[in-house]
PDB file of N, CA and C in Angstrom:
ATOM      1  N   MET A   1       0.816  -1.202   0.000  1.00  0.00           N
ATOM      2  CA  MET A   1       0.000   0.000   0.000  1.00  0.00           C
ATOM      3  C   MET A   1       0.860   1.267   0.000  1.00  0.00           C
ATOM      4  N   PHE A   2       1.945   1.260   0.773  1.00  0.00           N
ATOM      5  CA  PHE A   2       2.795   2.445   0.869  1.00  0.00           C
ATOM      6  C   PHE A   2       4.141   2.219   0.192  1.00  0.00           C
ATOM      7  N   CYS A   3       4.178   1.368  -0.811  1.00  0.00           N
ATOM      8  CA  CYS A   3       5.442   1.057  -1.485  1.00  0.00           C
ATOM      9  C   CYS A   3       6.116   2.289  -2.065  1.00  0.00           C
ATOM     10  N   SER A   4       5.339   3.248  -2.536  1.00  0.00           N
ATOM     11  CA  SER A   4       5.938   4.437  -3.142  1.00  0.00           C
ATOM     12  C   SER A   4       6.701   5.288  -2.128  1.00  0.00           C
ATOM     13  N   VAL A   5       6.368   5.153  -0.860  1.00  0.00           N
ATOM     14  CA  VAL A   5       7.058   5.920   0.178  1.00  0.00           C
ATOM     15  C   VAL A   5       8.518   5.503   0.273  1.00  0.00           C
ATOM     16  N   HIS A   6       8.825   4.256  -0.047  1.00  0.00           N
ATOM     17  CA  HIS A   6      10.203   3.764   0.064  1.00  0.00           C
ATOM     18  C   HIS A   6      11.142   4.476  -0.912  1.00  0.00           C
ATOM     19  N   GLY A   7      10.630   4.990  -1.997  1.00  0.00           N
ATOM     20  CA  GLY A   7      11.462   5.677  -2.975  1.00  0.00           C
ATOM     21  C   GLY A   7      11.620   7.155  -2.719  1.00  0.00           C
ATOM     22  N   MET A   8      10.921   7.704  -1.749  1.00  0.00           N
ATOM     23  CA  MET A   8      10.942   9.143  -1.520  1.00  0.00           C
ATOM     24  C   MET A   8      12.308   9.691  -1.108  1.00  0.00           C
ATOM     25  N   PRO A   9      13.067   9.030  -0.241  1.00  0.00           N
ATOM     26  CA  PRO A   9      14.379   9.603   0.114  1.00  0.00           C
ATOM     27  C   PRO A   9      15.283   9.807  -1.100  1.00  0.00           C
ATOM     28  N   GLN A  10      15.262   8.860  -2.023  1.00  0.00           N
ATOM     29  CA  GLN A  10      16.083   8.992  -3.223  1.00  0.00           C
ATOM     30  C   GLN A  10      15.599  10.158  -4.073  1.00  0.00           C
ATOM     31  N   CYS A  11      14.297  10.338  -4.163  1.00  0.00           N
ATOM     32  CA  CYS A  11      13.753  11.448  -4.943  1.00  0.00           C
ATOM     33  C   CYS A  11      14.137  12.785  -4.325  1.00  0.00           C
ATOM     34  N   VAL A  12      14.072  12.868  -3.018  1.00  0.00           N
ATOM     35  CA  VAL A  12      14.443  14.104  -2.323  1.00  0.00           C
ATOM     36  C   VAL A  12      15.921  14.405  -2.543  1.00  0.00           C
ATOM     37  N   ALA A  13      16.767  13.378  -2.418  1.00  0.00           N
ATOM     38  CA  ALA A  13      18.212  13.575  -2.606  1.00  0.00           C
ATOM     39  C   ALA A  13      18.528  14.008  -4.031  1.00  0.00           C
ATOM     40  N   MET A  14      17.872  13.392  -5.014  1.00  0.00           N
ATOM     41  CA  MET A  14      18.117  13.782  -6.408  1.00  0.00           C
ATOM     42  C   MET A  14      17.653  15.209  -6.664  1.00  0.00           C
ATOM     43  N   GLY A  15      16.525  15.586  -6.086  1.00  0.00           N
ATOM     44  CA  GLY A  15      16.032  16.954  -6.253  1.00  0.00           C
ATOM     45  C   GLY A  15      16.982  17.970  -5.643  1.00  0.00           C
ATOM     46  N   GLN A  16      17.505  17.665  -4.466  1.00  0.00           N
ATOM     47  CA  GLN A  16      18.442  18.591  -3.823  1.00  0.00           C
ATOM     48  C   GLN A  16      19.734  18.691  -4.620  1.00  0.00           C
ATOM     49  N   ALA A  17      20.237  17.563  -5.104  1.00  0.00           N
ATOM     50  CA  ALA A  17      21.465  17.587  -5.898  1.00  0.00           C
ATOM     51  C   ALA A  17      21.255  18.351  -7.199  1.00  0.00           C
ATOM     52  N   THR A  18      20.109  18.148  -7.831  1.00  0.00           N
ATOM     53  CA  THR A  18      19.815  18.839  -9.093  1.00  0.00           C
ATOM     54  C   THR A  18      19.694  20.339  -8.886  1.00  0.00           C
ATOM     55  N   SER A  19      18.984  20.742  -7.844  1.00  0.00           N
ATOM     56  CA  SER A  19      18.821  22.181  -7.604  1.00  0.00           C
ATOM     57  C   SER A  19      20.139  22.823  -7.174  1.00  0.00           C
ATOM     58  N   THR A  20      20.963  22.089  -6.446  1.00  0.00           N
ATOM     59  CA  THR A  20      22.278  22.606  -6.060  1.00  0.00           C
ATOM     60  C   THR A  20      23.159  22.786  -7.290  1.00  0.00           C
ATOM     61  N   ALA A  21      23.110  21.818  -8.211  1.00  0.00           N
ATOM     62  CA  ALA A  21      23.879  21.943  -9.451  1.00  0.00           C
ATOM     63  C   ALA A  21      23.381  23.130 -10.272  1.00  0.00           C
ATOM     64  N   ALA A  22      22.069  23.330 -10.323  1.00  0.00           N
ATOM     65  CA  ALA A  22      21.522  24.480 -11.059  1.00  0.00           C
ATOM     66  C   ALA A  22      21.987  25.787 -10.431  1.00  0.00           C
ATOM     67  N   ALA A  23      22.011  25.837  -9.107  1.00  0.00           N
ATOM     68  CA  ALA A  23      22.488  27.046  -8.431  1.00  0.00           C
ATOM     69  C   ALA A  23      23.962  27.304  -8.726  1.00  0.00           C
ATOM     70  N   GLN A  24      24.753  26.234  -8.812  1.00  0.00           N
ATOM     71  CA  GLN A  24      26.169  26.396  -9.153  1.00  0.00           C
ATOM     72  C   GLN A  24      26.331  26.987 -10.545  1.00  0.00           C
ATOM     73  N   THR A  25      25.513  26.565 -11.491  1.00  0.00           N
ATOM     74  CA  THR A  25      25.635  27.104 -12.845  1.00  0.00           C
ATOM     75  C   THR A  25      25.365  28.591 -12.855  1.00  0.00           C
ATOM     76  N   LEU A  26      24.375  29.018 -12.085  1.00  0.00           N
ATOM     77  CA  LEU A  26      24.050  30.450 -12.034  1.00  0.00           C
ATOM     78  C   LEU A  26      25.130  31.230 -11.285  1.00  0.00           C
ATOM     79  N   ARG A  27      25.563  30.681 -10.151  1.00  0.00           N
ATOM     80  CA  ARG A  27      26.554  31.368  -9.318  1.00  0.00           C
ATOM     81  C   ARG A  27      27.893  31.499 -10.029  1.00  0.00           C
ATOM     82  N   ASP A  28      28.324  30.425 -10.717  1.00  0.00           N
ATOM     83  CA  ASP A  28      29.663  30.381 -11.290  1.00  0.00           C
ATOM     84  C   ASP A  28      29.695  30.622 -12.793  1.00  0.00           C
ATOM     85  N   GLY A  29      28.536  30.849 -13.411  1.00  0.00           N
ATOM     86  CA  GLY A  29      28.488  31.090 -14.847  1.00  0.00           C
ATOM     87  C   GLY A  29      28.891  29.873 -15.671  1.00  0.00           C
ATOM     88  N   LEU A  30      28.500  28.693 -15.212  1.00  0.00           N
ATOM     89  CA  LEU A  30      28.860  27.449 -15.881  1.00  0.00           C
ATOM     90  C   LEU A  30      27.692  26.895 -16.683  1.00  0.00           C
ATOM     91  N   THR A  31      27.986  25.945 -17.538  1.00  0.00           N
ATOM     92  CA  THR A  31      26.921  25.141 -18.132  1.00  0.00           C
ATOM     93  C   THR A  31      26.793  23.879 -17.278  1.00  0.00           C
ATOM     94  N   VAL A  32      25.710  23.175 -17.435  1.00  0.00           N
ATOM     95  CA  VAL A  32      25.505  21.944 -16.669  1.00  0.00           C
ATOM     96  C   VAL A  32      26.639  20.958 -16.927  1.00  0.00           C
ATOM     97  N   GLN A  33      27.122  20.919 -18.151  1.00  0.00           N
ATOM     98  CA  GLN A  33      28.194  20.002 -18.499  1.00  0.00           C
ATOM     99  C   GLN A  33      29.507  20.346 -17.793  1.00  0.00           C
ATOM    100  N   ASP A  34      29.641  21.581 -17.343  1.00  0.00           N
ATOM    101  CA  ASP A  34      30.874  22.019 -16.694  1.00  0.00           C
ATOM    102  C   ASP A  34      30.874  21.825 -15.178  1.00  0.00           C
ATOM    103  N   ILE A  35      29.767  21.350 -14.612  1.00  0.00           N
ATOM    104  CA  ILE A  35      29.712  21.134 -13.167  1.00  0.00           C
ATOM    105  C   ILE A  35      30.755  20.081 -12.792  1.00  0.00           C
ATOM    106  N   ILE A  36      31.512  20.381 -11.758  1.00  0.00           N
ATOM    107  CA  ILE A  36      32.535  19.461 -11.269  1.00  0.00           C
ATOM    108  C   ILE A  36      31.932  18.676 -10.106  1.00  0.00           C
ATOM    109  N   GLY A  37      31.976  17.355 -10.214  1.00  0.00           N
ATOM    110  CA  GLY A  37      31.348  16.490  -9.217  1.00  0.00           C
ATOM    111  C   GLY A  37      31.815  16.752  -7.798  1.00  0.00           C
ATOM    112  N   GLU A  38      33.105  16.956  -7.633  1.00  0.00           N
ATOM    113  CA  GLU A  38      33.639  17.182  -6.287  1.00  0.00           C
ATOM    114  C   GLU A  38      33.071  18.457  -5.671  1.00  0.00           C
ATOM    115  N   GLY A  39      32.921  19.497  -6.490  1.00  0.00           N
ATOM    116  CA  GLY A  39      32.354  20.744  -5.992  1.00  0.00           C
ATOM    117  C   GLY A  39      30.894  20.582  -5.600  1.00  0.00           C
ATOM    118  N   LEU A  40      30.169  19.787  -6.366  1.00  0.00           N
ATOM    119  CA  LEU A  40      28.766  19.524  -6.051  1.00  0.00           C
ATOM    120  C   LEU A  40      28.663  18.760  -4.736  1.00  0.00           C
ATOM    121  N   VAL A  41      29.507  17.765  -4.564  1.00  0.00           N
ATOM    122  CA  VAL A  41      29.501  16.994  -3.315  1.00  0.00           C
ATOM    123  C   VAL A  41      29.850  17.900  -2.134  1.00  0.00           C
ATOM    124  N   GLU A  42      30.821  18.770  -2.296  1.00  0.00           N
ATOM    125  CA  GLU A  42      31.197  19.696  -1.218  1.00  0.00           C
ATOM    126  C   GLU A  42      30.012  20.583  -0.830  1.00  0.00           C
ATOM    127  N   ASP A  43      29.296  21.104  -1.826  1.00  0.00           N
ATOM    128  CA  ASP A  43      28.136  21.945  -1.532  1.00  0.00           C
ATOM    129  C   ASP A  43      27.039  21.154  -0.828  1.00  0.00           C
ATOM    130  N   LEU A  44      26.819  19.918  -1.244  1.00  0.00           N
ATOM    131  CA  LEU A  44      25.798  19.084  -0.601  1.00  0.00           C
ATOM    132  C   LEU A  44      26.176  18.780   0.845  1.00  0.00           C
ATOM    133  N   ILE A  45      27.443  18.480   1.089  1.00  0.00           N
ATOM    134  CA  ILE A  45      27.893  18.231   2.461  1.00  0.00           C
ATOM    135  C   ILE A  45      27.713  19.486   3.306  1.00  0.00           C
ATOM    136  N   ALA A  46      28.013  20.661   2.733  1.00  0.00           N
ATOM    137  CA  ALA A  46      27.835  21.923   3.453  1.00  0.00           C
ATOM    138  C   ALA A  46      26.366  22.165   3.802  1.00  0.00           C
ATOM    139  N   GLN A  47      25.465  21.601   3.001  1.00  0.00           N
ATOM    140  CA  GLN A  47      24.031  21.720   3.263  1.00  0.00           C
ATOM    141  C   GLN A  47      23.537  20.689   4.276  1.00  0.00           C
ATOM    142  N   GLY A  48      24.430  19.791   4.684  1.00  0.00           N
ATOM    143  CA  GLY A  48      24.056  18.791   5.675  1.00  0.00           C
ATOM    144  C   GLY A  48      23.708  17.435   5.102  1.00  0.00           C
ATOM    145  N   VAL A  49      23.915  17.237   3.815  1.00  0.00           N
ATOM    146  CA  VAL A  49      23.666  15.927   3.209  1.00  0.00           C
ATOM    147  C   VAL A  49      24.870  15.046   3.515  1.00  0.00           C
ATOM    148  N   ASN A  50      24.643  14.006   4.288  1.00  0.00           N
ATOM    149  CA  ASN A  50      25.747  13.131   4.696  1.00  0.00           C
ATOM    150  C   ASN A  50      25.721  11.779   4.007  1.00  0.00           C
ATOM    151  N   GLY A  51      24.602  11.403   3.441  1.00  0.00           N
ATOM    152  CA  GLY A  51      24.489  10.119   2.801  1.00  0.00           C
ATOM    153  C   GLY A  51      23.021   9.754   2.624  1.00  0.00           C
ATOM    154  N   LEU A  52      22.808   8.523   2.199  1.00  0.00           N
ATOM    155  CA  LEU A  52      21.450   8.065   1.951  1.00  0.00           C
ATOM    156  C   LEU A  52      21.373   6.577   2.224  1.00  0.00           C
ATOM    157  N   GLY A  53      20.409   6.184   3.001  1.00  0.00           N
ATOM    158  CA  GLY A  53      20.211   4.762   3.275  1.00  0.00           C
ATOM    159  C   GLY A  53      21.365   4.116   4.016  1.00  0.00           C
ATOM    160  N   GLY A  54      22.014   4.866   4.884  1.00  0.00           N
ATOM    161  CA  GLY A  54      23.130   4.315   5.635  1.00  0.00           C
ATOM    162  C   GLY A  54      24.451   4.317   4.877  1.00  0.00           C
ATOM    163  N   ASN A  55      24.430   4.776   3.641  1.00  0.00           N
ATOM    164  CA  ASN A  55      25.651   4.856   2.838  1.00  0.00           C
ATOM    165  C   ASN A  55      26.155   6.291   2.837  1.00  0.00           C
ATOM    166  N   PRO A  56      27.455   6.485   3.004  1.00  0.00           N
ATOM    167  CA  PRO A  56      27.994   7.854   2.987  1.00  0.00           C
ATOM    168  C   PRO A  56      27.887   8.477   1.608  1.00  0.00           C
ATOM    169  N   LEU A  57      27.806   9.783   1.586  1.00  0.00           N
ATOM    170  CA  LEU A  57      27.746  10.511   0.313  1.00  0.00           C
ATOM    171  C   LEU A  57      29.024  10.281  -0.484  1.00  0.00           C
ATOM    172  N   VAL A  58      30.151  10.266   0.193  1.00  0.00           N
ATOM    173  CA  VAL A  58      31.436   9.991  -0.448  1.00  0.00           C
ATOM    174  C   VAL A  58      32.230   9.070   0.465  1.00  0.00           C
ATOM    175  N   ASP A  59      33.141   8.324  -0.123  1.00  0.00           N
ATOM    176  CA  ASP A  59      34.054   7.502   0.673  1.00  0.00           C
ATOM    177  C   ASP A  59      35.128   8.391   1.249  1.00  0.00           C
ATOM    178  N   ARG A  60      35.311   8.320   2.513  1.00  0.00           N
ATOM    179  CA  ARG A  60      36.333   9.152   3.179  1.00  0.00           C
ATOM    180  C   ARG A  60      37.432   8.280   3.691  1.00  0.00           C
TER     181      ARG A  60
END
């Protein structure tokens, strides 16, 4: 009955990552293709994103 709820954390994380990448393009004058993954991860960590489903956002 509530199977769709199980996918919500992933949807929220993807939305936050996408909007953060869009903000980077505006802030830094980049195209989407020019986004650097490490910079995106740094911004997400600064926003408090630490991981998803018990998995870390990055291997440290």
